[in-house]
């Protein structure tokens, strides 16, 4: 889900913009905001277990170049 959100700026009918922060839990978008603290707070209010869920910043993919 995270890779697709960053690559296509869409997921399950939701649109995202570069710079958004997205909280994901079990493949579902829990919250979207411009501040990572807000989405983390929303995620932890639903599931307080720090080993579950993730927060990602919507950003353009970076290509690694190895020479």
N, C-alpha and C. Protein backbone atom coordinates (compact mmCIF):
# COMPACT_ATOMS: atom_id res chain seq x y z
N UNK A 1 0.83 -1.19 0.00
CA UNK A 1 0.00 0.00 0.00
C UNK A 1 0.87 1.26 0.00
N UNK A 2 1.91 1.25 0.84
CA UNK A 2 2.77 2.44 0.96
C UNK A 2 3.46 2.76 -0.36
N UNK A 3 3.99 1.75 -1.02
CA UNK A 3 4.67 1.98 -2.30
C UNK A 3 3.70 2.49 -3.35
N UNK A 4 2.51 1.94 -3.37
CA UNK A 4 1.53 2.37 -4.37
C UNK A 4 1.06 3.80 -4.11
N UNK A 5 0.87 4.15 -2.85
CA UNK A 5 0.47 5.52 -2.51
C UNK A 5 1.53 6.50 -3.00
N UNK A 6 2.79 6.22 -2.77
CA UNK A 6 3.87 7.12 -3.19
C UNK A 6 4.04 7.15 -4.70
N UNK A 7 3.83 6.01 -5.35
CA UNK A 7 4.03 5.93 -6.79
C UNK A 7 2.87 6.55 -7.57
N UNK A 8 1.63 6.25 -7.14
CA UNK A 8 0.45 6.66 -7.91
C UNK A 8 -0.33 7.81 -7.29
N UNK A 9 -0.02 8.15 -6.03
CA UNK A 9 -0.74 9.19 -5.28
C UNK A 9 -2.22 8.87 -5.14
N UNK A 10 -2.54 7.56 -5.17
CA UNK A 10 -3.91 7.09 -5.01
C UNK A 10 -3.89 5.75 -4.28
N UNK A 11 -4.97 5.46 -3.55
CA UNK A 11 -5.14 4.16 -2.92
C UNK A 11 -6.60 4.03 -2.51
N UNK A 12 -7.25 2.98 -2.98
CA UNK A 12 -8.64 2.68 -2.62
C UNK A 12 -9.57 3.88 -2.75
N UNK A 13 -9.44 4.62 -3.84
CA UNK A 13 -10.31 5.76 -4.09
C UNK A 13 -9.90 7.04 -3.39
N UNK A 14 -8.82 7.03 -2.62
CA UNK A 14 -8.32 8.23 -1.95
C UNK A 14 -7.19 8.84 -2.76
N UNK A 15 -7.15 10.16 -2.80
CA UNK A 15 -6.06 10.87 -3.48
C UNK A 15 -5.14 11.49 -2.44
N UNK A 16 -3.85 11.48 -2.74
CA UNK A 16 -2.84 12.04 -1.85
C UNK A 16 -2.00 13.04 -2.62
N UNK A 17 -1.31 13.91 -1.89
CA UNK A 17 -0.39 14.85 -2.52
C UNK A 17 0.97 14.69 -1.87
N UNK A 18 2.00 15.06 -2.61
CA UNK A 18 3.35 14.99 -2.07
C UNK A 18 3.42 15.83 -0.79
N UNK A 19 4.05 15.31 0.22
CA UNK A 19 4.16 16.01 1.49
C UNK A 19 3.14 15.57 2.52
N UNK A 20 2.09 14.83 2.09
CA UNK A 20 1.14 14.27 3.05
C UNK A 20 1.83 13.22 3.91
N UNK A 21 1.34 13.04 5.11
CA UNK A 21 1.72 11.92 5.96
C UNK A 21 0.49 11.03 6.09
N UNK A 22 0.70 9.73 5.97
CA UNK A 22 -0.39 8.77 5.95
C UNK A 22 -0.14 7.71 7.01
N UNK A 23 -1.14 7.43 7.82
CA UNK A 23 -1.07 6.33 8.78
C UNK A 23 -1.78 5.13 8.19
N UNK A 24 -1.07 3.99 8.15
CA UNK A 24 -1.63 2.74 7.63
C UNK A 24 -1.69 1.71 8.75
N UNK A 25 -2.77 0.95 8.77
CA UNK A 25 -2.92 -0.16 9.71
C UNK A 25 -3.67 -1.26 8.99
N UNK A 26 -3.06 -2.43 8.90
CA UNK A 26 -3.66 -3.58 8.22
C UNK A 26 -4.07 -3.26 6.79
N UNK A 27 -3.28 -2.46 6.09
CA UNK A 27 -3.55 -2.11 4.70
C UNK A 27 -4.61 -1.05 4.51
N UNK A 28 -5.09 -0.47 5.60
CA UNK A 28 -6.11 0.57 5.53
C UNK A 28 -5.52 1.91 5.92
N UNK A 29 -5.98 2.97 5.25
CA UNK A 29 -5.57 4.33 5.60
C UNK A 29 -6.37 4.75 6.82
N UNK A 30 -5.66 5.10 7.89
CA UNK A 30 -6.28 5.51 9.15
C UNK A 30 -6.42 7.02 9.22
N UNK A 31 -5.39 7.75 8.75
CA UNK A 31 -5.40 9.21 8.83
C UNK A 31 -4.46 9.78 7.79
N UNK A 32 -4.75 11.01 7.36
CA UNK A 32 -3.90 11.76 6.42
C UNK A 32 -3.81 13.19 6.95
N UNK A 33 -2.59 13.73 7.01
CA UNK A 33 -2.39 15.11 7.47
C UNK A 33 -1.05 15.62 6.96
N UNK A 34 -0.82 16.91 7.15
CA UNK A 34 0.46 17.52 6.78
C UNK A 34 1.48 17.40 7.91
N UNK A 35 1.07 16.90 9.06
CA UNK A 35 1.94 16.79 10.23
C UNK A 35 2.02 15.34 10.69
N UNK A 36 3.23 14.77 10.75
CA UNK A 36 3.34 13.36 11.13
C UNK A 36 2.86 13.08 12.56
N UNK A 37 2.94 14.06 13.44
CA UNK A 37 2.49 13.85 14.82
C UNK A 37 0.99 13.58 14.87
N UNK A 38 0.23 14.28 14.03
CA UNK A 38 -1.23 14.09 14.02
C UNK A 38 -1.61 12.71 13.53
N UNK A 39 -0.96 12.22 12.47
CA UNK A 39 -1.33 10.90 11.97
C UNK A 39 -0.86 9.80 12.93
N UNK A 40 0.28 9.99 13.57
CA UNK A 40 0.74 9.00 14.55
C UNK A 40 -0.21 8.96 15.74
N UNK A 41 -0.66 10.11 16.18
CA UNK A 41 -1.62 10.17 17.29
C UNK A 41 -2.92 9.44 16.91
N UNK A 42 -3.40 9.63 15.68
CA UNK A 42 -4.61 8.95 15.23
C UNK A 42 -4.40 7.44 15.17
N UNK A 43 -3.25 7.03 14.66
CA UNK A 43 -2.93 5.60 14.58
C UNK A 43 -2.90 4.98 15.97
N UNK A 44 -2.21 5.62 16.90
CA UNK A 44 -2.08 5.06 18.25
C UNK A 44 -3.37 5.12 19.05
N UNK A 45 -4.29 5.99 18.66
CA UNK A 45 -5.59 6.01 19.34
C UNK A 45 -6.42 4.78 18.94
N UNK A 46 -6.15 4.23 17.76
CA UNK A 46 -6.85 3.03 17.28
C UNK A 46 -6.13 1.77 17.74
N UNK A 47 -4.80 1.77 17.66
CA UNK A 47 -3.99 0.62 18.07
C UNK A 47 -2.74 1.12 18.75
N UNK A 48 -2.66 1.01 20.06
CA UNK A 48 -1.51 1.55 20.81
C UNK A 48 -0.23 0.73 20.68
N UNK A 49 -0.29 -0.44 20.04
CA UNK A 49 0.89 -1.30 19.90
C UNK A 49 1.87 -0.69 18.90
N UNK A 50 3.07 -0.26 19.34
CA UNK A 50 4.02 0.39 18.42
C UNK A 50 4.59 -0.55 17.36
N UNK A 51 4.37 -1.84 17.48
CA UNK A 51 4.86 -2.76 16.45
C UNK A 51 3.85 -2.95 15.32
N UNK A 52 2.71 -2.31 15.43
CA UNK A 52 1.68 -2.42 14.38
C UNK A 52 1.45 -1.06 13.72
N UNK A 53 1.18 -1.10 12.44
CA UNK A 53 0.90 0.12 11.68
C UNK A 53 2.16 0.85 11.28
N UNK A 54 1.98 1.86 10.47
CA UNK A 54 3.12 2.67 10.03
C UNK A 54 2.64 4.04 9.61
N UNK A 55 3.56 4.99 9.64
CA UNK A 55 3.33 6.34 9.12
C UNK A 55 4.33 6.56 8.01
N UNK A 56 3.84 7.03 6.87
CA UNK A 56 4.74 7.30 5.76
C UNK A 56 4.53 8.71 5.24
N UNK A 57 5.59 9.25 4.68
CA UNK A 57 5.50 10.55 4.01
C UNK A 57 5.34 10.28 2.53
N UNK A 58 4.34 10.88 1.91
CA UNK A 58 4.14 10.72 0.48
C UNK A 58 5.21 11.54 -0.22
N UNK A 59 6.09 10.85 -0.91
CA UNK A 59 7.22 11.50 -1.58
C UNK A 59 7.50 10.77 -2.89
N UNK A 60 8.14 11.47 -3.79
CA UNK A 60 8.51 10.86 -5.06
C UNK A 60 9.54 9.76 -4.81
N UNK A 61 9.44 8.64 -5.53
CA UNK A 61 10.42 7.57 -5.36
C UNK A 61 11.82 8.07 -5.68
N UNK A 62 12.79 7.58 -4.94
CA UNK A 62 14.19 7.93 -5.16
C UNK A 62 14.87 6.73 -5.82
N UNK A 63 15.56 6.99 -6.90
CA UNK A 63 16.27 5.94 -7.60
C UNK A 63 17.68 5.84 -7.07
N UNK A 64 18.06 4.66 -6.63
CA UNK A 64 19.43 4.43 -6.18
C UNK A 64 20.30 4.11 -7.38
N UNK A 65 21.44 4.72 -7.42
CA UNK A 65 22.41 4.47 -8.49
C UNK A 65 23.67 3.89 -7.85
N UNK A 66 24.05 2.73 -8.32
CA UNK A 66 25.26 2.08 -7.82
C UNK A 66 26.25 2.01 -8.96
N UNK A 67 27.45 2.49 -8.73
CA UNK A 67 28.48 2.46 -9.77
C UNK A 67 29.61 1.59 -9.35
